C-alpha cells in the first residue's frame, strides 16, 4: 500500500510495537555490553586499587590520613554545594519565566573540563507568558518573600 506524502496517514505514524523488549520466564537472553573488554579491565583495576588504597587508610601516616580525609570532605561539600546552587538558580529563574542552569553539563560528564563548560545556559520557558503560570509564579514569589520576612524577624 502506497501512502501519499503529506496525507494524514503519513503525518500520524501507526503503533508498531513497544520500544523495550518483552522478557518472559522461558527465554534465555544475552545482554550485550557496548564497552570493550580493555576498558572494563581498566575500570576494574582502578576500582580494586582505590579499594585497597582505602582499606589501608589506618596504616598511613597521620598527615596523609588528614590530607585524604580533607580532600574527600572538600570534594563532597563542593559537589553538593554546586548542586544546591544550581537548584537555587533554577528556582529563581523559574519565577522569572526562564530556564536558567549553572553548569548545564554537571550531571552529564565526570570530566572536569566537559562539565564546567558552558558555564551557564538560559532559555525562555514555554509557559513564560501563560496567565496561569504567571499567577502561580506571583503567588510563589509572594510566599517566598513572606517566609523570608518572617524568618528574619526577631522573636
N, C-alpha and C. Protein backbone atom coordinates (compact mmCIF):
# COMPACT_ATOMS: atom_id res chain seq x y z
N UNK A 1 0.84 -1.18 0.00
CA UNK A 1 0.00 0.00 0.00
C UNK A 1 0.88 1.23 0.00
N UNK A 2 0.65 2.14 -0.90
CA UNK A 2 1.41 3.37 -1.04
C UNK A 2 0.74 4.47 -0.22
N UNK A 3 1.51 5.17 0.60
CA UNK A 3 0.98 6.27 1.39
C UNK A 3 1.43 7.57 0.74
N UNK A 4 0.47 8.45 0.46
CA UNK A 4 0.78 9.71 -0.18
C UNK A 4 1.52 10.63 0.79
N UNK A 5 2.50 11.34 0.27
CA UNK A 5 3.28 12.26 1.09
C UNK A 5 2.40 13.45 1.48
N UNK A 6 2.38 13.79 2.77
CA UNK A 6 1.59 14.91 3.26
C UNK A 6 0.18 14.51 3.68
N UNK A 7 -0.20 13.24 3.49
CA UNK A 7 -1.53 12.81 3.89
C UNK A 7 -1.58 12.58 5.39
N UNK A 8 -2.79 12.32 5.93
CA UNK A 8 -2.97 12.12 7.36
C UNK A 8 -2.21 10.88 7.83
N UNK A 9 -2.22 9.81 7.02
CA UNK A 9 -1.52 8.59 7.41
C UNK A 9 -0.01 8.79 7.42
N UNK A 10 0.49 9.69 6.57
CA UNK A 10 1.92 9.97 6.54
C UNK A 10 2.34 10.77 7.78
N UNK A 11 1.48 11.66 8.25
CA UNK A 11 1.83 12.52 9.38
C UNK A 11 1.68 11.82 10.73
N UNK A 12 0.73 10.91 10.84
CA UNK A 12 0.49 10.23 12.11
C UNK A 12 0.93 8.77 11.96
N UNK A 13 2.08 8.42 12.54
CA UNK A 13 2.54 7.03 12.39
C UNK A 13 1.69 6.07 13.23
N UNK A 14 1.60 4.84 12.77
CA UNK A 14 0.85 3.82 13.49
C UNK A 14 1.74 3.18 14.55
N UNK A 15 1.09 2.68 15.60
CA UNK A 15 1.81 1.98 16.66
C UNK A 15 2.25 0.63 16.13
N UNK A 16 3.54 0.37 16.15
CA UNK A 16 4.05 -0.90 15.64
C UNK A 16 4.35 -1.87 16.77
N UNK A 17 5.14 -1.45 17.74
CA UNK A 17 5.50 -2.34 18.84
C UNK A 17 6.10 -1.50 19.96
N UNK A 18 6.24 -2.11 21.12
CA UNK A 18 6.91 -1.43 22.24
C UNK A 18 8.38 -1.27 21.91
N UNK A 19 8.97 -0.20 22.42
CA UNK A 19 10.40 0.02 22.20
C UNK A 19 11.24 -0.98 22.97
N UNK A 20 10.81 -1.29 24.18
CA UNK A 20 11.58 -2.20 25.02
C UNK A 20 11.16 -3.64 24.73
N UNK A 21 12.12 -4.56 24.74
CA UNK A 21 11.75 -5.95 24.50
C UNK A 21 10.96 -6.52 25.68
N UNK A 22 10.09 -7.46 25.40
CA UNK A 22 9.30 -8.11 26.43
C UNK A 22 9.99 -9.42 26.79
N UNK A 23 10.36 -9.55 28.07
CA UNK A 23 11.05 -10.75 28.52
C UNK A 23 10.04 -11.69 29.18
N UNK A 24 10.25 -12.97 29.01
CA UNK A 24 9.42 -13.94 29.73
C UNK A 24 10.33 -14.92 30.47
N UNK A 25 9.72 -15.82 31.25
CA UNK A 25 10.49 -16.72 32.11
C UNK A 25 11.08 -17.90 31.35
N UNK A 26 10.61 -18.18 30.18
CA UNK A 26 11.08 -19.36 29.46
C UNK A 26 12.27 -19.07 28.56
N UNK A 27 12.60 -17.82 28.35
CA UNK A 27 13.66 -17.48 27.40
C UNK A 27 15.02 -17.38 28.04
N UNK A 28 16.04 -17.44 27.22
CA UNK A 28 17.42 -17.24 27.64
C UNK A 28 17.92 -16.02 26.88
N UNK A 29 18.31 -15.00 27.60
CA UNK A 29 18.64 -13.73 26.97
C UNK A 29 20.09 -13.37 27.22
N UNK A 30 20.69 -12.75 26.23
CA UNK A 30 22.06 -12.29 26.32
C UNK A 30 22.05 -10.78 26.13
N UNK A 31 22.48 -10.05 27.14
CA UNK A 31 22.54 -8.60 27.05
C UNK A 31 23.96 -8.22 26.65
N UNK A 32 24.10 -7.61 25.50
CA UNK A 32 25.43 -7.26 25.01
C UNK A 32 25.88 -5.95 25.62
N UNK A 33 27.14 -5.93 26.01
CA UNK A 33 27.73 -4.74 26.58
C UNK A 33 28.49 -4.00 25.49
N UNK A 34 28.30 -2.69 25.41
CA UNK A 34 28.96 -1.94 24.34
C UNK A 34 30.38 -1.52 24.70
N UNK A 35 30.76 -1.61 25.97
CA UNK A 35 32.12 -1.25 26.38
C UNK A 35 33.05 -2.42 26.09
N UNK A 36 34.18 -2.12 25.52
CA UNK A 36 35.11 -3.21 25.18
C UNK A 36 35.79 -3.76 26.43
N UNK A 37 36.38 -4.92 26.30
CA UNK A 37 36.98 -5.62 27.44
C UNK A 37 38.16 -4.85 28.03
N UNK A 38 38.92 -4.17 27.20
CA UNK A 38 40.08 -3.44 27.69
C UNK A 38 39.64 -2.31 28.65
N UNK A 39 38.58 -1.60 28.29
CA UNK A 39 38.07 -0.53 29.14
C UNK A 39 37.51 -1.11 30.44
N UNK A 40 36.81 -2.24 30.35
CA UNK A 40 36.27 -2.87 31.55
C UNK A 40 37.39 -3.29 32.49
N UNK A 41 38.44 -3.85 31.95
CA UNK A 41 39.58 -4.26 32.79
C UNK A 41 40.22 -3.06 33.45
N UNK A 42 40.35 -1.97 32.70
CA UNK A 42 40.95 -0.77 33.27
C UNK A 42 40.10 -0.24 34.43
N UNK A 43 38.77 -0.19 34.25
CA UNK A 43 37.89 0.25 35.33
C UNK A 43 37.99 -0.69 36.54
N UNK A 44 38.07 -1.99 36.29
CA UNK A 44 38.18 -2.95 37.38
C UNK A 44 39.48 -2.78 38.14
N UNK A 45 40.58 -2.59 37.44
CA UNK A 45 41.88 -2.40 38.10
C UNK A 45 41.87 -1.11 38.92
N UNK A 46 41.32 -0.05 38.37
CA UNK A 46 41.26 1.23 39.11
C UNK A 46 40.39 1.08 40.35
N UNK A 47 39.26 0.40 40.22
CA UNK A 47 38.37 0.19 41.36
C UNK A 47 39.05 -0.63 42.46
N UNK A 48 39.72 -1.69 42.08
CA UNK A 48 40.42 -2.53 43.07
C UNK A 48 41.53 -1.74 43.74
N UNK A 49 42.29 -0.96 42.98
CA UNK A 49 43.36 -0.16 43.57
C UNK A 49 42.82 0.89 44.54
N UNK A 50 41.71 1.52 44.20
CA UNK A 50 41.11 2.50 45.11
C UNK A 50 40.63 1.81 46.39
N UNK A 51 40.01 0.64 46.25
CA UNK A 51 39.55 -0.08 47.44
C UNK A 51 40.71 -0.52 48.32
N UNK A 52 41.78 -1.01 47.73
CA UNK A 52 42.95 -1.40 48.52
C UNK A 52 43.56 -0.17 49.18
N UNK A 53 43.61 0.93 48.44
CA UNK A 53 44.13 2.19 48.98
C UNK A 53 43.33 2.63 50.21
N UNK A 54 41.99 2.50 50.14
CA UNK A 54 41.15 2.91 51.26
C UNK A 54 41.17 1.89 52.41
N UNK A 55 41.42 0.62 52.10
CA UNK A 55 41.47 -0.39 53.17
C UNK A 55 42.65 -0.17 54.09
N UNK A 56 43.75 0.31 53.57
CA UNK A 56 44.94 0.55 54.37
C UNK A 56 45.02 1.97 54.92
N UNK A 57 43.87 2.62 55.03
CA UNK A 57 43.82 4.02 55.47
C UNK A 57 44.45 4.19 56.85
N UNK A 58 44.20 3.26 57.76
CA UNK A 58 44.73 3.39 59.14
C UNK A 58 46.24 3.20 59.21
N UNK A 59 46.83 2.62 58.20
CA UNK A 59 48.27 2.39 58.22
C UNK A 59 49.07 3.57 57.70
N UNK A 60 48.41 4.53 57.08
CA UNK A 60 49.12 5.69 56.52
C UNK A 60 49.54 6.62 57.63
N UNK A 61 50.58 7.44 57.37
CA UNK A 61 50.96 8.44 58.37
C UNK A 61 49.82 9.44 58.59
N UNK A 62 49.86 10.11 59.73
CA UNK A 62 48.76 10.99 60.10
C UNK A 62 48.56 12.11 59.08
N UNK A 63 49.63 12.69 58.56
CA UNK A 63 49.49 13.79 57.60
C UNK A 63 48.80 13.32 56.31
N UNK A 64 49.06 12.05 55.92
CA UNK A 64 48.42 11.53 54.71
C UNK A 64 46.95 11.24 54.97
N UNK A 65 46.65 10.70 56.16
CA UNK A 65 45.25 10.47 56.51
C UNK A 65 44.47 11.77 56.51
N UNK A 66 45.08 12.81 57.08
CA UNK A 66 44.40 14.09 57.14
C UNK A 66 44.22 14.68 55.74
N UNK A 67 45.21 14.53 54.88
CA UNK A 67 45.11 15.06 53.51
C UNK A 67 44.02 14.33 52.73
N UNK A 68 43.97 13.01 52.85
CA UNK A 68 42.95 12.22 52.13
C UNK A 68 41.57 12.57 52.66
N UNK A 69 41.45 12.65 53.98
CA UNK A 69 40.14 12.95 54.58
C UNK A 69 39.66 14.34 54.16
N UNK A 70 40.55 15.35 54.23
CA UNK A 70 40.11 16.69 53.83
C UNK A 70 39.78 16.76 52.35
N UNK A 71 40.54 16.04 51.51
CA UNK A 71 40.25 16.04 50.08
C UNK A 71 38.86 15.44 49.82
N UNK A 72 38.54 14.35 50.50
CA UNK A 72 37.23 13.72 50.31
C UNK A 72 36.11 14.63 50.83
N UNK A 73 36.34 15.28 51.98
CA UNK A 73 35.32 16.18 52.53
C UNK A 73 35.12 17.39 51.62
N UNK A 74 36.20 17.99 51.15
CA UNK A 74 36.07 19.16 50.27
C UNK A 74 35.37 18.77 48.97
N UNK A 75 35.67 17.60 48.45
CA UNK A 75 35.01 17.15 47.22
C UNK A 75 33.50 16.98 47.46
N UNK A 76 33.13 16.32 48.54
CA UNK A 76 31.71 16.08 48.82
C UNK A 76 30.97 17.39 49.06
N UNK A 77 31.58 18.29 49.83
CA UNK A 77 30.93 19.57 50.11
C UNK A 77 30.77 20.38 48.83
N UNK A 78 31.81 20.40 47.99
CA UNK A 78 31.70 21.18 46.76
C UNK A 78 30.70 20.55 45.79
N UNK A 79 30.65 19.22 45.74
CA UNK A 79 29.70 18.55 44.85
C UNK A 79 28.27 18.89 45.23
N UNK A 80 27.93 18.73 46.50
CA UNK A 80 26.56 19.02 46.94
C UNK A 80 26.30 20.52 46.99
N UNK A 81 27.33 21.31 47.28
CA UNK A 81 27.16 22.77 47.28
C UNK A 81 26.85 23.30 45.89
N UNK A 82 27.56 22.81 44.87
CA UNK A 82 27.28 23.23 43.50
C UNK A 82 25.89 22.75 43.09
N UNK A 83 25.51 21.55 43.52
CA UNK A 83 24.17 21.05 43.22
C UNK A 83 23.09 21.93 43.85
N UNK A 84 23.29 22.36 45.09
CA UNK A 84 22.32 23.24 45.75
C UNK A 84 22.28 24.61 45.08
N UNK A 85 23.43 25.13 44.67
CA UNK A 85 23.48 26.41 43.98
C UNK A 85 22.78 26.33 42.62
N UNK A 86 22.96 25.21 41.92
CA UNK A 86 22.26 25.01 40.64
C UNK A 86 20.75 24.99 40.85
N UNK A 87 20.31 24.29 41.88
CA UNK A 87 18.87 24.22 42.17
C UNK A 87 18.32 25.60 42.53
N UNK A 88 19.06 26.35 43.32
CA UNK A 88 18.63 27.70 43.69
C UNK A 88 18.53 28.60 42.46
N UNK A 89 19.52 28.52 41.56
CA UNK A 89 19.47 29.32 40.33
C UNK A 89 18.28 28.90 39.47
N UNK A 90 17.98 27.61 39.40
CA UNK A 90 16.84 27.15 38.61
C UNK A 90 15.53 27.67 39.20
N UNK A 91 15.40 27.63 40.54
CA UNK A 91 14.17 28.09 41.19
C UNK A 91 13.98 29.58 40.97
N UNK A 92 15.04 30.36 41.10
CA UNK A 92 14.92 31.81 40.86
C UNK A 92 14.57 32.06 39.39
N UNK A 93 15.21 31.34 38.49
CA UNK A 93 14.90 31.50 37.07
C UNK A 93 13.48 31.10 36.74
N UNK A 94 12.97 30.07 37.42
CA UNK A 94 11.59 29.63 37.20
C UNK A 94 10.61 30.75 37.49
N UNK A 95 10.88 31.50 38.54
CA UNK A 95 9.97 32.57 38.93
C UNK A 95 10.00 33.75 37.96
N UNK A 96 11.02 33.84 37.15
CA UNK A 96 11.08 34.90 36.14
C UNK A 96 10.78 34.38 34.74
N UNK A 97 10.35 33.12 34.62
CA UNK A 97 9.93 32.58 33.34
C UNK A 97 11.07 32.13 32.44
N UNK A 98 12.23 31.86 33.00
CA UNK A 98 13.36 31.37 32.19
C UNK A 98 13.85 30.05 32.77
N UNK A 99 14.48 29.28 31.92
CA UNK A 99 15.10 28.04 32.35
C UNK A 99 16.60 28.31 32.43
N UNK A 100 17.08 28.61 33.63
CA UNK A 100 18.48 29.00 33.84
C UNK A 100 19.21 27.88 34.55
N UNK A 101 20.32 27.45 33.97
CA UNK A 101 21.14 26.40 34.58
C UNK A 101 22.57 26.89 34.74
N UNK A 102 23.11 26.67 35.89
CA UNK A 102 24.52 26.88 36.14
C UNK A 102 25.20 25.54 35.89
N UNK A 103 26.24 25.49 35.10
CA UNK A 103 26.91 24.26 34.68
C UNK A 103 25.89 23.27 34.10
N UNK A 104 25.36 23.51 32.89
CA UNK A 104 24.32 22.64 32.34
C UNK A 104 24.78 21.20 32.10
N UNK A 105 26.06 20.95 31.97
CA UNK A 105 26.56 19.59 31.76
C UNK A 105 27.04 18.93 33.05
N UNK A 106 26.57 19.42 34.20
CA UNK A 106 27.10 18.98 35.50
C UNK A 106 26.89 17.50 35.76
N UNK A 107 25.72 16.97 35.43
CA UNK A 107 25.44 15.56 35.69
C UNK A 107 25.68 14.68 34.46
N UNK A 108 26.04 15.29 33.34
CA UNK A 108 26.23 14.53 32.11
C UNK A 108 27.63 13.97 31.97
N UNK A 109 28.62 14.61 32.58
CA UNK A 109 30.00 14.18 32.40
C UNK A 109 30.76 14.31 33.71
N UNK A 110 31.69 13.40 33.94
CA UNK A 110 32.53 13.48 35.13
C UNK A 110 33.88 14.11 34.81
N UNK A 111 34.11 14.43 33.55
CA UNK A 111 35.31 15.12 33.15
C UNK A 111 35.18 16.58 33.54
N UNK A 112 36.15 17.11 34.29
CA UNK A 112 36.07 18.46 34.82
C UNK A 112 35.96 19.48 33.70
N UNK A 113 36.70 19.28 32.63
CA UNK A 113 36.70 20.27 31.56
C UNK A 113 35.42 20.22 30.74
N UNK A 114 34.72 19.08 30.75
CA UNK A 114 33.47 18.98 29.99
C UNK A 114 32.29 19.53 30.79
N UNK A 115 32.23 19.27 32.09
CA UNK A 115 31.05 19.71 32.84
C UNK A 115 31.15 21.18 33.24
N UNK A 116 32.33 21.77 33.21
CA UNK A 116 32.47 23.18 33.57
C UNK A 116 32.11 24.12 32.43
N UNK A 117 32.10 23.62 31.21
CA UNK A 117 31.81 24.48 30.06
C UNK A 117 30.63 23.92 29.30
N UNK A 118 29.66 24.67 28.89
CA UNK A 118 29.49 26.10 29.11
C UNK A 118 29.13 26.38 30.56
N UNK A 119 29.41 27.58 30.99
CA UNK A 119 29.20 27.95 32.38
C UNK A 119 27.71 28.06 32.72
N UNK A 120 26.93 28.67 31.84
CA UNK A 120 25.50 28.83 32.08
C UNK A 120 24.73 28.57 30.79
N UNK A 121 23.46 28.29 30.94
CA UNK A 121 22.54 28.24 29.80
C UNK A 121 21.21 28.81 30.25
N UNK A 122 20.58 29.55 29.34
CA UNK A 122 19.31 30.18 29.70
C UNK A 122 18.40 30.17 28.48
N UNK A 123 17.19 29.67 28.70
CA UNK A 123 16.17 29.65 27.65
C UNK A 123 14.87 30.15 28.26
N UNK A 124 14.06 30.80 27.44
CA UNK A 124 12.74 31.24 27.90
C UNK A 124 11.83 30.01 27.97
N UNK A 125 11.12 29.88 29.08
CA UNK A 125 10.22 28.74 29.26
C UNK A 125 9.05 28.82 28.28
N UNK A 126 8.49 27.65 27.94
CA UNK A 126 7.35 27.61 27.02
C UNK A 126 6.13 28.27 27.65
N UNK A 127 5.99 28.14 28.98
CA UNK A 127 4.83 28.70 29.67
C UNK A 127 5.15 30.05 30.32
N UNK A 128 6.14 30.77 29.79
CA UNK A 128 6.57 32.02 30.43
C UNK A 128 5.47 33.07 30.41
N UNK A 129 4.69 33.14 29.35
CA UNK A 129 3.68 34.19 29.23
C UNK A 129 2.26 33.65 29.37
N UNK A 130 2.14 32.43 29.84
CA UNK A 130 0.82 31.85 30.06
C UNK A 130 0.23 32.44 31.36
N UNK A 131 -1.03 32.88 31.34
CA UNK A 131 -1.59 33.56 32.53
C UNK A 131 -1.61 32.69 33.78
N UNK A 132 -1.98 31.42 33.66
CA UNK A 132 -2.00 30.56 34.87
C UNK A 132 -0.61 30.42 35.47
N UNK A 133 0.39 30.30 34.63
CA UNK A 133 1.76 30.15 35.11
C UNK A 133 2.24 31.44 35.77
N UNK A 134 1.86 32.57 35.19
CA UNK A 134 2.27 33.85 35.78
C UNK A 134 1.62 34.06 37.15
N UNK A 135 0.36 33.67 37.30
CA UNK A 135 -0.32 33.78 38.59
C UNK A 135 0.34 32.86 39.61
N UNK A 136 0.64 31.62 39.20
CA UNK A 136 1.31 30.68 40.11
C UNK A 136 2.66 31.21 40.55
N UNK A 137 3.44 31.77 39.61
CA UNK A 137 4.75 32.30 39.97
C UNK A 137 4.63 33.51 40.88
N UNK A 138 3.62 34.36 40.67
CA UNK A 138 3.43 35.53 41.54
C UNK A 138 3.07 35.10 42.96
N UNK A 139 2.20 34.10 43.07
CA UNK A 139 1.84 33.59 44.40
C UNK A 139 3.06 32.96 45.07
N UNK A 140 3.84 32.22 44.30
CA UNK A 140 5.02 31.57 44.85
C UNK A 140 6.06 32.59 45.32
N UNK A 141 6.26 33.64 44.52
CA UNK A 141 7.22 34.69 44.92
C UNK A 141 6.74 35.39 46.19
N UNK A 142 5.44 35.69 46.26
CA UNK A 142 4.93 36.38 47.46
C UNK A 142 5.07 35.49 48.69
N UNK A 143 4.83 34.19 48.54
CA UNK A 143 5.00 33.28 49.69
C UNK A 143 6.46 33.20 50.11
N UNK A 144 7.37 33.17 49.14
CA UNK A 144 8.80 33.10 49.47
C UNK A 144 9.25 34.38 50.17
N UNK A 145 8.77 35.54 49.71
CA UNK A 145 9.13 36.80 50.35
C UNK A 145 8.57 36.84 51.77
N UNK A 146 7.33 36.40 51.95
CA UNK A 146 6.72 36.39 53.29
C UNK A 146 7.48 35.44 54.22
N UNK A 147 7.84 34.25 53.73
CA UNK A 147 8.59 33.30 54.57
C UNK A 147 9.95 33.86 54.94
N UNK A 148 10.63 34.51 53.98
CA UNK A 148 11.91 35.13 54.28
C UNK A 148 11.79 36.25 55.29
N UNK A 149 10.71 37.04 55.16
CA UNK A 149 10.47 38.14 56.11
C UNK A 149 10.23 37.61 57.51
N UNK A 150 9.39 36.59 57.65
CA UNK A 150 9.09 36.04 58.98
C UNK A 150 10.30 35.30 59.55
N UNK A 151 11.10 34.71 58.71
CA UNK A 151 12.29 34.01 59.19
C UNK A 151 13.31 34.98 59.76
N UNK A 152 13.42 36.16 59.15
CA UNK A 152 14.43 37.12 59.60
C UNK A 152 13.95 37.99 60.76
N UNK A 153 12.71 37.84 61.20
CA UNK A 153 12.17 38.61 62.31
C UNK A 153 12.80 38.12 63.63
N UNK A 154 12.99 39.05 64.54
CA UNK A 154 13.44 38.68 65.88
C UNK A 154 12.22 38.30 66.70
N UNK A 155 12.42 37.39 67.62
CA UNK A 155 11.30 36.95 68.47
C UNK A 155 11.21 37.79 69.70
